[in-house]
């Protein structure tokens, strides 16, 4: 009896001790069971006072303090702006080495709120997308299908960053090279001596568009099999989704300039030779792009437009991504995007987006003015395109104009 009674006493004391430990532990990390990647709300938020850093007795943080910092990074309730303070610079060599990589939890402190007009502009763009998708007057193939009905191969433009809970749909000729650089930095898929690359422009060009550097929805089937579509839906619900667009006609001009006005052997063989044979009375075009440039044999912008309008083009293969419509690349009526950037306001939009994503301490959007195509050039470029062809081209890209708020180019269409 004495042994049995003693055993019961130990059980009671042990249970009480475990309950006490759970209470203490929950006080520090009780919120950590929540989903870490919640969508960023664009609306106004209630500011909170800065968090007071906990005193440390040694350079190595304790387990609970490290957990506390990790939880604060994602789950500080009601905060729309980062509040952590930057680490002090002690000036010794070890600190300088650590400065090469700032942990993600050490966000910038913003002393000014996001401008109301920027928040309202985003709200208008998102609201317009919803209205256009519900408007029967805007019709295009695939508009009313469900997300489950989208073929897997059509989801390869959705790049996923699980570290920060971000999904980016890239649109070629809309600063996508720089945004791909941003995604590589954030996903830390490029390491140098164990330290992630922090400078987007230091990423070699051949890696920017290398598919191995990006995890896309199209790769989910290989990794998750029959559960892939369900996981995609979870991420679409929880992650912050964004894309950048531009005036559809200006994007076409930019695509032509980039792919057919410069020496590009791949695009010459796949597309330019086809245009020359069909529309330029060149039954046997030069075999290489160098010979074609030497002889001055190149497809004109008018030939390019003829190629886009030719029904045979899509019978042979789908539009190349550089001139494929945005609604076909990013599926805006099946995916509810949290942020819609415009190339025409790229710097303001990029700054706001990185701030809302809480990664503006990790990376800055690299501004570039190379190969920019101004909308004021449209009249010059379309001068040799017959008016009827211009109107047919508008019909082909009208969904992109209306979905993303670009005005109908009447000055071009009514000539």
Protein backbone atom coordinates (compact mmCIF):
# COMPACT_ATOMS: atom_id res chain seq x y z
CA UNK A 1 0.00 0.00 0.00
CA UNK A 2 2.82 2.39 0.86
CA UNK A 3 4.40 1.88 -2.55
CA UNK A 4 1.08 2.37 -4.35
CA UNK A 5 0.34 5.53 -2.43
CA UNK A 6 3.79 6.88 -3.13
CA UNK A 7 3.33 6.15 -6.85
CA UNK A 8 0.05 8.08 -6.91
CA UNK A 9 1.70 11.05 -5.23
CA UNK A 10 4.48 11.06 -7.84
CA UNK A 11 1.89 10.88 -10.64
CA UNK A 12 -0.02 13.86 -9.24
CA UNK A 13 3.13 15.91 -8.71
CA UNK A 14 4.45 15.00 -12.16
CA UNK A 15 1.17 15.98 -13.80
CA UNK A 16 1.14 19.32 -11.98
CA UNK A 17 4.73 19.97 -13.05
CA UNK A 18 3.93 19.19 -16.70
CA UNK A 19 0.89 21.49 -16.62
CA UNK A 20 3.08 24.27 -15.22
CA UNK A 21 5.65 23.75 -17.98
CA UNK A 22 2.93 23.87 -20.65
CA UNK A 23 1.57 27.13 -19.24
CA UNK A 24 5.04 28.70 -19.22
CA UNK A 25 5.82 27.46 -22.72
CA UNK A 26 2.45 28.58 -24.09
CA UNK A 27 3.02 32.05 -22.66
CA UNK A 28 6.04 32.38 -24.98
CA UNK A 29 5.07 30.51 -28.13
CA UNK A 30 1.37 29.78 -27.89
CA UNK A 31 0.58 31.51 -31.14
CA UNK A 32 3.13 29.58 -33.17
CA UNK A 33 0.61 26.96 -34.18
CA UNK A 34 -1.07 29.46 -36.50
CA UNK A 35 -0.43 29.38 -40.22
CA UNK A 36 2.67 31.47 -40.77
CA UNK A 37 1.90 32.91 -44.19
CA UNK A 38 -1.27 34.96 -43.92
CA UNK A 39 -2.29 37.13 -46.88
CA UNK A 40 -1.24 40.77 -46.57
CA UNK A 41 -4.25 42.99 -46.08
CA UNK A 42 -4.04 46.21 -48.08
CA UNK A 43 -6.37 48.13 -45.79
CA UNK A 44 -5.42 50.51 -42.96
CA UNK A 45 -3.95 48.97 -39.86
CA UNK A 46 -3.76 50.10 -36.25
CA UNK A 47 -0.15 51.03 -35.38
CA UNK A 48 1.41 49.28 -32.42
CA UNK A 49 4.30 50.58 -30.35
CA UNK A 50 7.70 49.07 -31.14
CA UNK A 51 8.51 45.83 -29.40
CA UNK A 52 10.96 46.14 -26.55
CA UNK A 53 13.96 43.90 -27.18
CA UNK A 54 14.62 41.32 -24.50
CA UNK A 55 17.90 41.62 -22.64
CA UNK A 56 20.49 39.05 -23.57
CA UNK A 57 23.18 37.86 -21.28
CA UNK A 58 25.21 36.24 -24.05
CA UNK A 59 25.66 36.45 -27.81
CA UNK A 60 23.89 33.11 -28.24
CA UNK A 61 20.10 33.61 -27.87
CA UNK A 62 18.17 31.24 -25.68
CA UNK A 63 15.75 28.78 -27.21
CA UNK A 64 12.63 30.62 -26.05
CA UNK A 65 13.89 34.08 -27.05
CA UNK A 66 14.74 32.78 -30.50
CA UNK A 67 11.27 31.25 -30.81
CA UNK A 68 9.78 34.54 -29.60
CA UNK A 69 11.62 36.49 -32.31
CA UNK A 70 10.50 33.99 -34.92
CA UNK A 71 6.87 34.23 -33.84
CA UNK A 72 7.00 38.05 -33.74
CA UNK A 73 8.27 38.02 -37.29
CA UNK A 74 5.02 36.58 -38.65
CA UNK A 75 2.31 36.77 -36.03
CA UNK A 76 2.42 40.14 -34.27
CA UNK A 77 -1.32 40.83 -34.23
CA UNK A 78 -2.65 43.82 -36.09
CA UNK A 79 0.64 45.15 -37.36
CA UNK A 80 0.91 46.23 -40.93
CA UNK A 81 4.43 47.56 -40.65
CA UNK A 82 7.63 46.02 -39.25
CA UNK A 83 8.55 47.01 -35.71
CA UNK A 84 11.78 45.20 -34.87
CA UNK A 85 14.83 47.32 -34.26
CA UNK A 86 18.10 46.72 -36.06
CA UNK A 87 20.93 44.99 -34.21
CA UNK A 88 23.60 47.20 -32.71
CA UNK A 89 26.94 47.40 -34.48
CA UNK A 90 29.69 46.51 -32.05
CA UNK A 91 32.33 47.03 -34.70
CA UNK A 92 34.19 43.77 -34.26
CA UNK A 93 34.95 41.36 -37.08
CA UNK A 94 32.32 38.78 -36.17
CA UNK A 95 29.57 41.43 -36.31
CA UNK A 96 30.76 42.65 -39.69
CA UNK A 97 30.65 39.10 -41.00
CA UNK A 98 27.09 38.68 -39.72
CA UNK A 99 26.01 41.88 -41.49
CA UNK A 100 26.34 40.14 -44.83
CA UNK A 101 23.04 38.39 -44.12
CA UNK A 102 20.31 40.12 -42.13
CA UNK A 103 17.72 37.67 -40.73
CA UNK A 104 14.27 38.02 -42.24
CA UNK A 105 12.71 38.94 -38.90
CA UNK A 106 14.59 42.26 -38.67
CA UNK A 107 12.25 44.43 -40.73
CA UNK A 108 12.61 48.09 -41.52
CA UNK A 109 10.95 50.61 -39.27
CA UNK A 110 8.65 52.86 -41.29
CA UNK A 111 7.94 56.20 -39.66
CA UNK A 112 5.29 57.20 -42.19
CA UNK A 113 2.14 55.27 -43.15
CA UNK A 114 1.44 54.13 -46.68
CA UNK A 115 -0.10 56.97 -48.69
CA UNK A 116 -3.87 56.68 -48.87
CA UNK A 117 -3.88 57.22 -52.64
CA UNK A 118 -1.57 54.22 -53.14
CA UNK A 119 -3.83 51.98 -51.07
CA UNK A 120 -6.88 53.26 -52.94
CA UNK A 121 -5.19 52.67 -56.31
CA UNK A 122 -4.58 49.04 -55.40
CA UNK A 123 -8.15 48.65 -54.18
CA UNK A 124 -9.45 50.05 -57.47
CA UNK A 125 -7.32 47.67 -59.53
CA UNK A 126 -8.45 44.64 -57.55
CA UNK A 127 -12.07 45.75 -57.64
CA UNK A 128 -11.90 46.28 -61.40
CA UNK A 129 -10.61 42.72 -61.87
CA UNK A 130 -13.51 41.32 -59.87
CA UNK A 131 -16.06 43.42 -61.78
CA UNK A 132 -14.67 42.52 -65.20
CA UNK A 133 -14.60 38.82 -64.33
CA UNK A 134 -18.26 39.04 -63.32
CA UNK A 135 -19.21 41.15 -66.36
CA UNK A 136 -20.74 39.13 -69.19
CA UNK A 137 -19.73 41.78 -71.72
CA UNK A 138 -16.08 40.78 -71.23
CA UNK A 139 -15.76 37.37 -72.84
CA UNK A 140 -12.64 35.34 -73.55
CA UNK A 141 -11.72 31.64 -73.69
CA UNK A 142 -11.45 30.01 -70.28
CA UNK A 143 -13.01 32.88 -68.37
CA UNK A 144 -15.71 30.83 -66.63
CA UNK A 145 -13.77 27.64 -65.97
CA UNK A 146 -12.75 26.69 -62.45
CA UNK A 147 -9.19 26.54 -61.19
CA UNK A 148 -9.36 22.74 -61.31
CA UNK A 149 -10.07 22.95 -65.04
CA UNK A 150 -6.86 24.84 -65.83
CA UNK A 151 -4.34 22.42 -67.37
CA UNK A 152 -1.22 21.95 -65.32
CA UNK A 153 1.02 23.19 -68.15
CA UNK A 154 -0.79 26.55 -68.04
CA UNK A 155 0.29 27.13 -64.44
CA UNK A 156 4.01 27.36 -65.12
CA UNK A 157 4.06 31.17 -64.77
CA UNK A 158 3.13 31.03 -61.08
CA UNK A 159 6.36 31.16 -59.06
CA UNK A 160 6.05 30.18 -55.39
CA UNK A 161 8.19 31.37 -52.48
CA UNK A 162 7.28 29.26 -49.46
CA UNK A 163 9.73 31.07 -47.18
CA UNK A 164 7.73 34.29 -47.31
CA UNK A 165 4.34 33.06 -48.51
CA UNK A 166 4.42 34.74 -51.94
CA UNK A 167 3.12 33.73 -55.37
CA UNK A 168 4.24 35.77 -58.37
CA UNK A 169 2.76 35.37 -61.84
CA UNK A 170 5.39 36.62 -64.24
CA UNK A 171 4.43 38.31 -67.49
CA UNK A 172 7.27 38.60 -70.04
CA UNK A 173 8.06 42.15 -71.15
CA UNK A 174 6.74 43.55 -67.87
CA UNK A 175 9.94 43.78 -65.80
CA UNK A 176 9.73 40.03 -65.21
CA UNK A 177 13.53 39.60 -65.25
CA UNK A 178 13.91 41.89 -62.26
CA UNK A 179 10.98 40.33 -60.42
CA UNK A 180 12.44 36.88 -61.04
CA UNK A 181 15.66 38.19 -59.50
CA UNK A 182 13.66 39.32 -56.47
CA UNK A 183 12.09 35.87 -56.14
CA UNK A 184 15.50 34.18 -56.32
CA UNK A 185 16.79 36.43 -53.53
CA UNK A 186 13.74 35.81 -51.34
CA UNK A 187 13.68 32.04 -51.85
CA UNK A 188 17.42 31.87 -51.15
CA UNK A 189 17.81 29.46 -54.03
CA UNK A 190 21.22 30.91 -54.83
CA UNK A 191 23.88 30.55 -52.13
CA UNK A 192 27.45 31.80 -52.05
CA UNK A 193 29.56 30.21 -49.33
CA UNK A 194 26.41 29.39 -47.43
CA UNK A 195 25.12 32.99 -47.57
CA UNK A 196 22.11 33.84 -49.79
CA UNK A 197 22.62 36.31 -52.61
CA UNK A 198 21.17 39.68 -51.52
CA UNK A 199 21.84 41.81 -54.62
CA UNK A 200 19.33 41.01 -57.42
CA UNK A 201 21.54 42.50 -60.12
CA UNK A 202 24.44 40.24 -59.11
CA UNK A 203 22.49 37.16 -60.22
CA UNK A 204 23.88 36.02 -63.59
CA UNK A 205 21.54 36.52 -66.53
CA UNK A 206 21.59 32.84 -67.48
CA UNK A 207 20.22 31.95 -64.04
CA UNK A 208 17.43 34.54 -63.97
CA UNK A 209 15.29 32.60 -66.46
CA UNK A 210 16.63 29.17 -65.52
CA UNK A 211 13.61 27.09 -64.52
CA UNK A 212 15.64 25.23 -61.89
CA UNK A 213 15.89 28.47 -59.89
CA UNK A 214 12.12 28.81 -59.53
CA UNK A 215 9.50 26.54 -57.98
CA UNK A 216 6.31 26.91 -60.01
CA UNK A 217 2.85 25.42 -59.77
CA UNK A 218 3.66 23.40 -62.85
CA UNK A 219 6.22 21.47 -60.78
CA UNK A 220 3.75 20.50 -58.07
CA UNK A 221 2.68 17.34 -59.88
CA UNK A 222 6.17 15.92 -59.83
CA UNK A 223 6.56 16.60 -56.12
CA UNK A 224 3.07 16.02 -54.69
CA UNK A 225 1.26 13.86 -57.21
CA UNK A 226 -2.49 13.60 -56.72
CA UNK A 227 -2.38 16.02 -53.76
CA UNK A 228 -0.84 18.81 -55.88
CA UNK A 229 -4.06 20.60 -56.81
CA UNK A 230 -5.24 20.65 -53.20
CA UNK A 231 -1.93 22.14 -52.03
CA UNK A 232 -2.08 24.73 -54.79
CA UNK A 233 -5.49 25.85 -53.50
CA UNK A 234 -4.18 26.09 -49.94
CA UNK A 235 -1.29 28.27 -51.04
CA UNK A 236 -3.54 30.42 -53.22
CA UNK A 237 -5.74 31.02 -50.19
CA UNK A 238 -2.97 31.69 -47.69
CA UNK A 239 -0.18 33.31 -49.71
CA UNK A 240 0.06 36.85 -51.08
CA UNK A 241 -0.37 36.75 -54.87
CA UNK A 242 0.81 39.50 -57.21
CA UNK A 243 1.47 40.26 -60.87
CA UNK A 244 2.64 43.21 -62.97
CA UNK A 245 1.05 44.26 -66.27
CA UNK A 246 1.42 47.02 -68.87
CA UNK A 247 -0.46 48.50 -71.83
CA UNK A 248 -1.05 45.48 -74.12
CA UNK A 249 -0.11 47.25 -77.37
CA UNK A 250 3.04 48.72 -75.85
CA UNK A 251 3.96 45.27 -74.60
CA UNK A 252 3.68 43.94 -78.16
CA UNK A 253 5.98 46.69 -79.43
CA UNK A 254 8.47 45.85 -76.70
CA UNK A 255 8.32 42.14 -77.58
CA UNK A 256 8.96 42.87 -81.26
CA UNK A 257 11.88 45.18 -80.50
CA UNK A 258 13.48 42.71 -78.11
CA UNK A 259 13.06 39.56 -80.19
CA UNK A 260 13.25 40.69 -83.83
CA UNK A 261 15.22 43.93 -83.93
CA UNK A 262 18.23 42.29 -82.28
CA UNK A 263 20.07 39.13 -83.24
CA UNK A 264 18.25 36.24 -81.62
CA UNK A 265 18.92 32.95 -83.39
CA UNK A 266 16.20 31.04 -81.57
CA UNK A 267 13.41 33.53 -82.31
CA UNK A 268 14.65 33.99 -85.86
CA UNK A 269 14.37 30.27 -86.62
CA UNK A 270 11.10 29.69 -84.75
CA UNK A 271 9.18 32.81 -85.75
CA UNK A 272 10.96 35.28 -88.03
CA UNK A 273 11.52 32.78 -90.82
CA UNK A 274 7.82 31.86 -90.71
CA UNK A 275 6.84 35.53 -91.01
CA UNK A 276 9.26 36.10 -93.87
CA UNK A 277 7.92 33.10 -95.81
CA UNK A 278 4.25 33.94 -95.25
CA UNK A 279 4.13 37.71 -95.49
CA UNK A 280 7.39 39.09 -96.93
CA UNK A 281 7.71 37.12 -100.17
CA UNK A 282 10.76 35.32 -98.86
CA UNK A 283 10.14 31.64 -99.76
CA UNK A 284 13.71 30.79 -98.72
CA UNK A 285 14.78 33.17 -95.92
CA UNK A 286 18.47 33.31 -94.97
CA UNK A 287 19.39 30.27 -92.86
CA UNK A 288 20.82 32.25 -89.93
CA UNK A 289 20.02 35.47 -88.16
CA UNK A 290 23.51 36.86 -88.89
CA UNK A 291 23.01 36.40 -92.63
CA UNK A 292 19.53 37.89 -92.43
CA UNK A 293 20.81 41.00 -90.63
CA UNK A 294 23.71 41.33 -93.06
CA UNK A 295 21.25 41.28 -95.97
CA UNK A 296 18.69 43.47 -94.19
CA UNK A 297 16.09 40.71 -94.36
CA UNK A 298 13.95 41.02 -91.21
CA UNK A 299 10.23 40.81 -90.51
CA UNK A 300 8.62 44.20 -90.01
CA UNK A 301 6.31 45.13 -87.16
CA UNK A 302 3.45 44.87 -89.64
CA UNK A 303 4.51 41.30 -90.45
CA UNK A 304 4.53 40.56 -86.73
CA UNK A 305 0.95 41.80 -86.38
CA UNK A 306 -0.09 39.71 -89.39
CA UNK A 307 1.46 36.69 -87.69
CA UNK A 308 -0.55 37.30 -84.50
CA UNK A 309 -3.81 37.67 -86.43
CA UNK A 310 -3.24 34.66 -88.69
CA UNK A 311 -5.49 31.74 -87.56
CA UNK A 312 -2.76 29.34 -88.70
CA UNK A 313 -0.44 30.67 -86.00
CA UNK A 314 -2.36 29.21 -83.06
CA UNK A 315 -3.11 26.05 -85.01
CA UNK A 316 0.63 25.43 -85.22
CA UNK A 317 1.37 26.24 -81.57
CA UNK A 318 0.08 28.45 -78.72
CA UNK A 319 1.26 32.03 -78.62
CA UNK A 320 4.77 32.45 -77.28
CA UNK A 321 4.79 33.77 -73.72
CA UNK A 322 6.24 37.12 -74.83
CA UNK A 323 3.03 38.01 -76.68
CA UNK A 324 0.53 35.66 -75.05
CA UNK A 325 -2.34 37.52 -73.39
CA UNK A 326 -2.02 38.10 -69.64
CA UNK A 327 -5.37 36.46 -68.96
CA UNK A 328 -3.95 33.26 -70.45
CA UNK A 329 -0.73 33.46 -68.44
CA UNK A 330 -2.07 34.41 -65.00
CA UNK A 331 -5.77 33.40 -64.93
CA UNK A 332 -7.06 36.51 -63.11
CA UNK A 333 -10.66 35.25 -63.04
CA UNK A 334 -9.65 32.03 -61.23
CA UNK A 335 -6.96 33.51 -58.96
CA UNK A 336 -7.82 36.42 -56.68
CA UNK A 337 -4.67 38.55 -56.80
CA UNK A 338 -3.81 40.62 -53.74
CA UNK A 339 -1.64 43.10 -55.62
CA UNK A 340 -1.78 44.31 -59.24
CA UNK A 341 1.23 46.35 -60.31
CA UNK A 342 1.50 48.40 -63.48
CA UNK A 343 4.77 48.96 -65.29
CA UNK A 344 3.72 52.58 -65.81
CA UNK A 345 3.90 53.05 -62.01
CA UNK A 346 6.55 50.40 -61.41
CA UNK A 347 8.72 52.17 -58.84
CA UNK A 348 5.84 53.22 -56.58
CA UNK A 349 4.14 49.84 -56.91
CA UNK A 350 7.34 47.87 -56.24
CA UNK A 351 8.15 49.89 -53.14
CA UNK A 352 4.62 49.46 -51.79
CA UNK A 353 4.52 45.74 -52.56
CA UNK A 354 7.86 44.93 -50.91
CA UNK A 355 6.78 46.93 -47.89
CA UNK A 356 3.47 45.08 -47.62
CA UNK A 357 5.27 41.76 -48.02
CA UNK A 358 7.65 42.80 -45.21
CA UNK A 359 10.73 42.02 -47.25
CA UNK A 360 11.91 45.54 -48.06
CA UNK A 361 14.81 45.04 -45.65
CA UNK A 362 15.86 41.93 -47.56
CA UNK A 363 15.82 43.24 -51.10
CA UNK A 364 15.19 46.37 -53.16
CA UNK A 365 13.62 46.38 -56.59
CA UNK A 366 16.30 47.23 -59.18
CA UNK A 367 15.20 50.10 -61.38
CA UNK A 368 16.18 49.96 -65.04
CA UNK A 369 15.51 52.24 -67.96
CA UNK A 370 16.87 50.01 -70.68
CA UNK A 371 14.62 49.04 -73.56
CA UNK A 372 11.64 50.99 -72.27
CA UNK A 373 8.87 51.46 -74.83
CA UNK A 374 6.83 54.62 -74.44
CA UNK A 375 3.09 54.57 -75.13
CA UNK A 376 3.55 57.80 -77.11
CA UNK A 377 5.31 55.73 -79.79
CA UNK A 378 2.22 53.67 -80.58
CA UNK A 379 1.13 55.85 -83.50
CA UNK A 380 4.55 55.60 -85.12
CA UNK A 381 4.72 51.83 -84.75
CA UNK A 382 1.20 51.19 -86.00
CA UNK A 383 1.49 53.60 -88.91
CA UNK A 384 2.21 50.80 -91.41
CA UNK A 385 -0.45 48.48 -89.95
CA UNK A 386 -3.80 48.66 -91.84
CA UNK A 387 -6.66 50.11 -89.73
CA UNK A 388 -8.69 46.90 -89.99
CA UNK A 389 -5.75 44.89 -88.68
CA UNK A 390 -5.42 47.29 -85.74
CA UNK A 391 -9.06 46.77 -84.82
CA UNK A 392 -8.70 43.00 -85.09
CA UNK A 393 -5.63 43.17 -82.88
CA UNK A 394 -7.55 45.13 -80.28
CA UNK A 395 -10.23 42.43 -80.21
CA UNK A 396 -7.51 39.85 -79.65
CA UNK A 397 -6.14 41.74 -76.62
CA UNK A 398 -9.31 43.52 -75.48
CA UNK A 399 -9.69 41.35 -72.34
CA UNK A 400 -6.28 42.51 -71.11
CA UNK A 401 -7.18 46.15 -71.77
CA UNK A 402 -10.41 45.90 -69.80
CA UNK A 403 -9.29 43.58 -67.00
CA UNK A 404 -6.37 45.79 -66.03
CA UNK A 405 -7.84 49.23 -66.66
CA UNK A 406 -6.11 50.35 -69.85
CA UNK A 407 -8.00 52.75 -72.10
CA UNK A 408 -9.08 51.72 -75.55
CA UNK A 409 -6.48 53.24 -77.97
CA UNK A 410 -9.03 55.14 -80.08
CA UNK A 411 -6.38 57.36 -81.64
CA UNK A 412 -4.93 54.26 -83.29
CA UNK A 413 -8.11 52.32 -83.97
CA UNK A 414 -10.10 55.18 -85.53
CA UNK A 415 -7.54 56.37 -88.05
